[in-house]
N, C-alpha and C. Protein backbone atom coordinates (compact mmCIF):
# COMPACT_ATOMS: atom_id res chain seq x y z
N UNK A 1 -0.09 -25.69 -5.86
CA UNK A 1 -0.93 -26.96 -4.94
C UNK A 1 -0.12 -28.01 -5.70
N UNK A 2 0.13 -28.62 -5.35
CA UNK A 2 0.56 -30.28 -6.09
C UNK A 2 0.30 -31.47 -5.65
N UNK A 3 -0.23 -32.52 -6.27
CA UNK A 3 -0.59 -33.73 -5.91
C UNK A 3 -1.84 -33.97 -5.08
N UNK A 4 -2.08 -34.79 -4.51
CA UNK A 4 -3.44 -35.25 -4.56
C UNK A 4 -4.46 -34.18 -3.43
N UNK A 5 -5.08 -33.86 -3.36
CA UNK A 5 -6.05 -32.83 -1.99
C UNK A 5 -7.71 -32.79 -2.08
N UNK A 6 -8.12 -32.70 -1.11
CA UNK A 6 -8.65 -32.72 -0.59
C UNK A 6 -10.04 -31.54 -0.30
N UNK A 7 -10.84 -31.40 -0.11
CA UNK A 7 -11.63 -30.26 0.45
C UNK A 7 -11.12 -29.34 1.93
N UNK A 8 -10.93 -30.56 2.36
CA UNK A 8 -10.63 -30.14 4.22
C UNK A 8 -9.41 -29.35 4.16
N UNK A 9 -8.23 -30.56 3.34
CA UNK A 9 -6.94 -29.74 3.12
C UNK A 9 -6.80 -28.63 2.65
N UNK A 10 -7.57 -28.26 1.13
CA UNK A 10 -7.93 -27.02 0.75
C UNK A 10 -8.48 -25.92 1.53
N UNK A 11 -9.38 -25.79 2.42
CA UNK A 11 -10.23 -25.04 2.95
C UNK A 11 -8.94 -24.30 3.45
N UNK A 12 -8.57 -24.21 4.30
CA UNK A 12 -7.70 -23.43 5.09
C UNK A 12 -6.97 -22.75 4.15
N UNK A 13 -6.27 -23.10 3.43
CA UNK A 13 -5.82 -22.15 1.91
C UNK A 13 -6.48 -21.54 1.15
N UNK A 14 -7.78 -22.14 0.77
CA UNK A 14 -8.81 -21.00 0.29
C UNK A 14 -9.31 -19.66 1.20
N UNK A 15 -9.60 -19.93 2.17
CA UNK A 15 -9.80 -19.30 2.86
C UNK A 15 -9.11 -18.31 3.52
N UNK A 16 -7.59 -18.07 3.43
CA UNK A 16 -6.94 -17.49 3.47
C UNK A 16 -6.38 -16.73 2.37
N UNK A 17 -6.51 -17.16 1.58
CA UNK A 17 -6.38 -16.20 -0.15
C UNK A 17 -7.44 -15.84 -0.26
N UNK A 18 -8.72 -15.71 0.19
CA UNK A 18 -10.29 -15.21 -0.05
C UNK A 18 -9.65 -13.80 1.07
N UNK A 19 -9.21 -14.54 2.19
CA UNK A 19 -9.35 -12.71 3.35
C UNK A 19 -8.16 -12.16 2.64
N UNK A 20 -6.92 -12.72 2.22
CA UNK A 20 -5.46 -11.78 1.71
C UNK A 20 -6.27 -10.82 0.60
N UNK A 21 -7.18 -11.46 -0.19
CA UNK A 21 -7.73 -10.89 -1.35
C UNK A 21 -8.26 -9.38 -0.79
N UNK A 22 -9.47 -9.64 0.03
CA UNK A 22 -10.28 -8.68 0.51
C UNK A 22 -9.10 -7.76 1.57
N UNK A 23 -8.52 -8.17 2.26
CA UNK A 23 -7.61 -7.05 2.88
C UNK A 23 -7.16 -6.29 1.93
N UNK A 24 -6.46 -6.98 0.58
CA UNK A 24 -5.35 -6.01 -0.27
C UNK A 24 -6.30 -5.58 -1.30
N UNK A 25 -8.11 -5.33 -1.61
CA UNK A 25 -8.39 -5.46 -2.28
C UNK A 25 -7.94 -5.82 -4.03
N UNK A 26 -7.99 -6.90 -3.64
CA UNK A 26 -7.49 -8.09 -4.96
C UNK A 26 -8.83 -8.28 -5.48
N UNK A 27 -8.80 -8.46 -6.72
CA UNK A 27 -10.53 -8.92 -7.25
C UNK A 27 -10.57 -9.88 -8.14
N UNK A 28 -9.19 -10.26 -8.52
CA UNK A 28 -8.80 -11.42 -9.12
C UNK A 28 -7.75 -12.15 -8.75
N UNK A 29 -7.83 -13.37 -9.17
CA UNK A 29 -6.98 -14.86 -8.70
C UNK A 29 -6.78 -15.73 -9.42
N UNK A 30 -5.68 -16.67 -9.78
CA UNK A 30 -4.99 -17.26 -10.80
C UNK A 30 -5.17 -18.45 -9.77
N UNK A 31 -5.71 -19.53 -9.69
CA UNK A 31 -5.39 -20.60 -8.61
C UNK A 31 -4.56 -21.54 -9.70
N UNK A 32 -3.30 -22.19 -9.71
CA UNK A 32 -2.42 -22.71 -10.86
C UNK A 32 -3.25 -24.21 -10.20
N UNK A 33 -3.27 -25.12 -10.60
CA UNK A 33 -4.33 -26.67 -9.77
C UNK A 33 -2.97 -28.26 -11.05
N UNK A 34 -2.31 -27.05 -11.95
CA UNK A 34 -1.99 -28.10 -13.03
C UNK A 34 -1.47 -29.16 -12.17
N UNK A 35 -0.81 -29.46 -11.37
CA UNK A 35 -0.09 -30.33 -10.51
C UNK A 35 -0.69 -30.86 -9.49
N UNK A 36 -1.58 -30.65 -9.17
CA UNK A 36 -2.81 -30.86 -8.59
C UNK A 36 -3.95 -31.79 -8.99
N UNK A 37 -4.31 -32.79 -7.89
CA UNK A 37 -5.53 -33.49 -8.32
C UNK A 37 -6.87 -33.92 -7.22
N UNK A 38 -7.78 -33.26 -7.63
CA UNK A 38 -8.88 -33.25 -6.19
C UNK A 38 -9.50 -34.62 -6.66
N UNK A 39 -9.19 -35.01 -5.07
CA UNK A 39 -9.94 -36.64 -4.79
C UNK A 39 -10.78 -36.89 -4.12
N UNK A 40 -11.86 -35.69 -4.06
CA UNK A 40 -12.87 -36.06 -3.09
C UNK A 40 -13.59 -36.62 -3.88
N UNK A 41 -15.16 -37.01 -3.51
CA UNK A 41 -16.20 -37.49 -4.04
C UNK A 41 -16.90 -36.35 -4.58
N UNK A 42 -18.04 -36.59 -5.57
CA UNK A 42 -19.02 -35.40 -5.46
C UNK A 42 -19.66 -34.57 -4.34
N UNK A 43 -19.99 -35.82 -3.60
CA UNK A 43 -20.98 -35.23 -2.39
C UNK A 43 -19.96 -34.08 -1.40
N UNK A 44 -18.71 -34.56 -1.21
CA UNK A 44 -17.44 -33.78 -0.68
C UNK A 44 -17.67 -32.35 -1.47
N UNK A 45 -17.28 -32.28 -2.50
CA UNK A 45 -17.19 -31.42 -3.37
C UNK A 45 -18.32 -30.76 -3.06
N UNK A 46 -19.37 -30.84 -3.09
CA UNK A 46 -20.72 -30.64 -3.00
C UNK A 46 -20.63 -29.22 -1.67
N UNK A 47 -20.64 -30.22 -0.29
CA UNK A 47 -20.27 -29.55 0.67
C UNK A 47 -19.29 -28.65 1.15
N UNK A 48 -18.50 -28.60 0.06
CA UNK A 48 -16.69 -27.86 0.22
C UNK A 48 -17.98 -26.51 -0.33
N UNK A 49 -18.26 -26.44 -1.81
CA UNK A 49 -18.89 -25.01 -1.80
C UNK A 49 -19.91 -24.67 -1.64
N UNK A 50 -20.95 -25.43 -0.59
CA UNK A 50 -22.40 -24.92 -0.10
C UNK A 50 -21.88 -24.58 1.57
N UNK A 51 -21.01 -25.46 1.95
CA UNK A 51 -21.33 -25.82 3.22
C UNK A 51 -20.12 -24.93 4.06
N UNK A 52 -18.89 -25.79 4.01
CA UNK A 52 -17.23 -25.75 4.31
C UNK A 52 -16.96 -23.99 4.28
N UNK A 53 -16.51 -24.00 2.82
CA UNK A 53 -16.19 -22.85 2.51
C UNK A 53 -16.73 -21.15 2.63
N UNK A 54 -18.33 -21.22 2.39
CA UNK A 54 -19.16 -20.13 3.01
C UNK A 54 -19.18 -20.05 4.60
N UNK A 55 -19.07 -20.80 5.09
CA UNK A 55 -19.03 -20.78 6.43
C UNK A 55 -17.98 -20.36 7.07
N UNK A 56 -16.87 -20.05 6.68
CA UNK A 56 -15.38 -20.30 6.94
C UNK A 56 -14.95 -18.57 6.68
N UNK A 57 -16.15 -18.60 5.50
CA UNK A 57 -15.08 -16.61 5.23
C UNK A 57 -16.39 -16.12 4.70
N UNK A 58 -16.33 -14.64 4.70
CA UNK A 58 -17.42 -13.69 4.51
C UNK A 58 -16.85 -14.00 3.10
N UNK A 59 -17.91 -13.97 2.15
CA UNK A 59 -17.70 -14.34 0.49
C UNK A 59 -17.72 -13.04 -0.28
N UNK A 60 -17.32 -12.38 -0.79
CA UNK A 60 -16.68 -11.82 -1.40
C UNK A 60 -16.94 -11.31 -3.27
N UNK A 61 -18.23 -11.18 -3.29
CA UNK A 61 -18.88 -12.02 -4.75
C UNK A 61 -18.11 -11.30 -5.19
N UNK A 62 -17.70 -10.20 -5.47
CA UNK A 62 -17.11 -9.29 -6.73
C UNK A 62 -15.58 -9.78 -6.58
N UNK A 63 -14.90 -11.13 -6.28
CA UNK A 63 -13.59 -11.65 -6.34
C UNK A 63 -14.05 -12.59 -7.75
N UNK A 64 -13.08 -12.66 -8.69
CA UNK A 64 -12.66 -13.57 -9.87
C UNK A 64 -12.03 -14.28 -9.73
N UNK A 65 -12.16 -15.84 -9.65
CA UNK A 65 -11.04 -16.64 -9.71
C UNK A 65 -11.13 -17.38 -10.89
N UNK A 66 -9.86 -17.93 -11.53
CA UNK A 66 -9.48 -18.82 -12.37
C UNK A 66 -8.61 -19.81 -11.60
N UNK A 67 -9.46 -21.00 -12.42
CA UNK A 67 -8.79 -21.95 -11.39
C UNK A 67 -7.85 -22.72 -12.68
N UNK A 68 -6.59 -22.63 -12.97
CA UNK A 68 -5.55 -23.58 -13.93
C UNK A 68 -5.51 -24.93 -13.83
N UNK A 69 -6.03 -26.19 -14.63
CA UNK A 69 -5.43 -27.41 -14.52
C UNK A 69 -4.82 -28.12 -15.81
N UNK A 70 -4.61 -29.38 -15.28
CA UNK A 70 -3.80 -29.75 -16.42
C UNK A 70 -4.92 -30.37 -17.56
N UNK A 71 -4.55 -30.07 -19.05
CA UNK A 71 -5.37 -30.49 -19.79
C UNK A 71 -6.38 -31.45 -19.78
N UNK A 72 -5.51 -32.58 -19.38
CA UNK A 72 -6.00 -34.22 -19.49
C UNK A 72 -6.92 -34.03 -17.88
N UNK A 73 -7.04 -33.27 -16.91
CA UNK A 73 -7.49 -33.45 -15.44
C UNK A 73 -8.32 -33.23 -15.67
N UNK A 74 -9.65 -33.96 -15.04
CA UNK A 74 -10.98 -33.66 -15.06
C UNK A 74 -11.60 -33.96 -14.14
N UNK A 75 -10.28 -33.95 -12.72
CA UNK A 75 -10.79 -34.57 -10.92
C UNK A 75 -11.76 -32.99 -11.28
N UNK A 76 -11.32 -32.06 -11.49
CA UNK A 76 -11.67 -30.28 -10.88
C UNK A 76 -13.39 -30.37 -11.64
N UNK A 77 -13.84 -30.71 -12.73
CA UNK A 77 -14.74 -30.49 -13.58
C UNK A 77 -15.99 -30.47 -12.75
N UNK A 78 -16.20 -31.50 -11.88
CA UNK A 78 -17.25 -31.57 -10.77
C UNK A 78 -17.38 -30.01 -9.54
N UNK A 79 -15.93 -29.92 -9.09
CA UNK A 79 -15.98 -29.28 -7.82
C UNK A 79 -16.45 -27.68 -8.60
N UNK A 80 -15.96 -27.65 -9.93
CA UNK A 80 -15.84 -26.09 -10.68
C UNK A 80 -18.13 -25.92 -11.30
N UNK A 81 -18.48 -27.02 -11.17
CA UNK A 81 -20.00 -26.80 -11.21
C UNK A 81 -20.52 -26.24 -9.98
N UNK A 82 -20.17 -27.19 -8.84
CA UNK A 82 -20.95 -26.52 -8.19
C UNK A 82 -20.26 -25.38 -7.12
N UNK A 83 -19.16 -25.19 -7.44
CA UNK A 83 -18.91 -23.65 -6.69
C UNK A 83 -19.53 -22.31 -7.86
N UNK A 84 -20.11 -22.82 -8.71
CA UNK A 84 -20.40 -21.79 -9.30
C UNK A 84 -21.85 -22.08 -9.04
N UNK A 85 -22.47 -22.66 -9.11
CA UNK A 85 -23.75 -22.92 -8.26
C UNK A 85 -24.07 -22.45 -7.22
N UNK A 86 -22.90 -22.66 -6.34
CA UNK A 86 -23.49 -22.11 -5.05
C UNK A 86 -23.21 -20.45 -5.37
N UNK A 87 -22.94 -19.94 -6.07
CA UNK A 87 -22.52 -18.26 -6.47
C UNK A 87 -21.22 -18.13 -6.26
N UNK A 88 -20.37 -19.15 -6.17
CA UNK A 88 -18.90 -18.38 -6.15
C UNK A 88 -18.57 -18.08 -7.65
N UNK A 89 -17.71 -16.84 -8.15
CA UNK A 89 -17.28 -16.34 -9.08
C UNK A 89 -15.89 -17.15 -9.62
N UNK A 90 -16.45 -18.53 -10.19
CA UNK A 90 -14.76 -19.30 -10.23
C UNK A 90 -15.03 -19.79 -11.97
N UNK A 91 -14.09 -19.82 -12.42
CA UNK A 91 -14.10 -20.63 -13.93
C UNK A 91 -12.85 -21.29 -13.98
N UNK A 92 -13.27 -22.71 -14.53
CA UNK A 92 -12.09 -23.51 -14.98
C UNK A 92 -11.50 -23.57 -15.99
N UNK A 93 -10.11 -23.77 -16.12
CA UNK A 93 -9.58 -23.33 -17.12
C UNK A 93 -8.38 -24.60 -17.65
N UNK A 94 -8.04 -24.74 -19.14
CA UNK A 94 -7.05 -25.42 -18.88
C UNK A 94 -5.74 -25.38 -20.21
N UNK A 95 -6.23 -23.64 -20.60
CA UNK A 95 -5.42 -22.84 -21.23
C UNK A 95 -4.88 -21.81 -20.32
N UNK A 96 -3.34 -21.37 -19.62
CA UNK A 96 -3.29 -20.38 -19.27
C UNK A 96 -3.63 -19.01 -19.37
N UNK A 97 -3.30 -18.87 -20.84
CA UNK A 97 -3.49 -17.52 -21.48
C UNK A 97 -5.17 -17.41 -21.89
N UNK A 98 -6.21 -18.11 -21.61
CA UNK A 98 -7.59 -17.50 -21.50
C UNK A 98 -7.73 -16.99 -20.53
N UNK A 99 -6.89 -18.39 -19.22
CA UNK A 99 -7.34 -17.91 -17.60
C UNK A 99 -6.74 -16.37 -16.98
N UNK A 100 -5.68 -15.76 -18.18
CA UNK A 100 -5.42 -14.50 -17.96
C UNK A 100 -6.33 -13.42 -18.87
N UNK A 101 -6.78 -14.05 -19.55
CA UNK A 101 -7.54 -13.11 -20.21
C UNK A 101 -8.79 -13.08 -19.33
N UNK A 102 -9.07 -13.88 -18.85
CA UNK A 102 -10.39 -13.88 -18.66
C UNK A 102 -10.28 -13.31 -16.93
N UNK A 103 -9.13 -13.19 -16.30
CA UNK A 103 -9.04 -12.34 -15.16
C UNK A 103 -8.72 -10.45 -15.91
N UNK A 104 -8.24 -10.93 -17.13
CA UNK A 104 -7.50 -9.44 -17.39
C UNK A 104 -8.16 -9.17 -18.58
N UNK A 105 -9.44 -8.40 -18.24
CA UNK A 105 -10.02 -8.44 -20.06
C UNK A 105 -9.57 -7.36 -20.52
N UNK A 106 -9.18 -7.49 -22.00
CA UNK A 106 -8.51 -5.45 -22.65
C UNK A 106 -9.51 -4.52 -22.91
N UNK A 107 -10.69 -5.23 -22.83
CA UNK A 107 -11.85 -3.99 -23.14
C UNK A 107 -12.07 -3.56 -21.28
N UNK A 108 -11.50 -2.10 -21.57
CA UNK A 108 -12.05 -1.28 -20.32
C UNK A 108 -13.13 -1.58 -19.67
N UNK A 109 -14.38 -1.42 -20.43
CA UNK A 109 -15.76 -1.34 -20.13
C UNK A 109 -16.34 -2.64 -19.72
N UNK A 110 -15.29 -3.75 -19.72
CA UNK A 110 -15.60 -5.12 -18.88
C UNK A 110 -14.76 -5.79 -17.92
N UNK A 111 -13.81 -4.33 -17.63
CA UNK A 111 -12.77 -4.85 -16.49
C UNK A 111 -13.27 -5.13 -15.38
N UNK A 112 -12.54 -5.65 -14.81
CA UNK A 112 -13.35 -6.02 -13.05
C UNK A 112 -12.77 -5.12 -12.16
N UNK A 113 -13.62 -4.40 -11.67
CA UNK A 113 -13.80 -3.31 -10.37
C UNK A 113 -13.27 -3.73 -8.71
């Protein structure tokens, strides 16, 4: 993603990515938003997490998503909170290495199935 976006604009992409991951058996996704800025209001982010996305796709609770953002961009902070509170397995990162480590833990006992 690049530029400014709203939940309405990201919904089709998120649904497609979720469905593709399910079809291919992918359990981890890295979403690079380092050049993208969330311009939605708090209520729009809330609606996306609790209403729009869950009503658009059958959620796979095993899917782990790391969202990588620019270190100085805090436009994704609230959406990260509401998505996690809504039961989505997402985590926000400002460091690519930490995002990848989150998705690919080196300890085999902690690996994502």
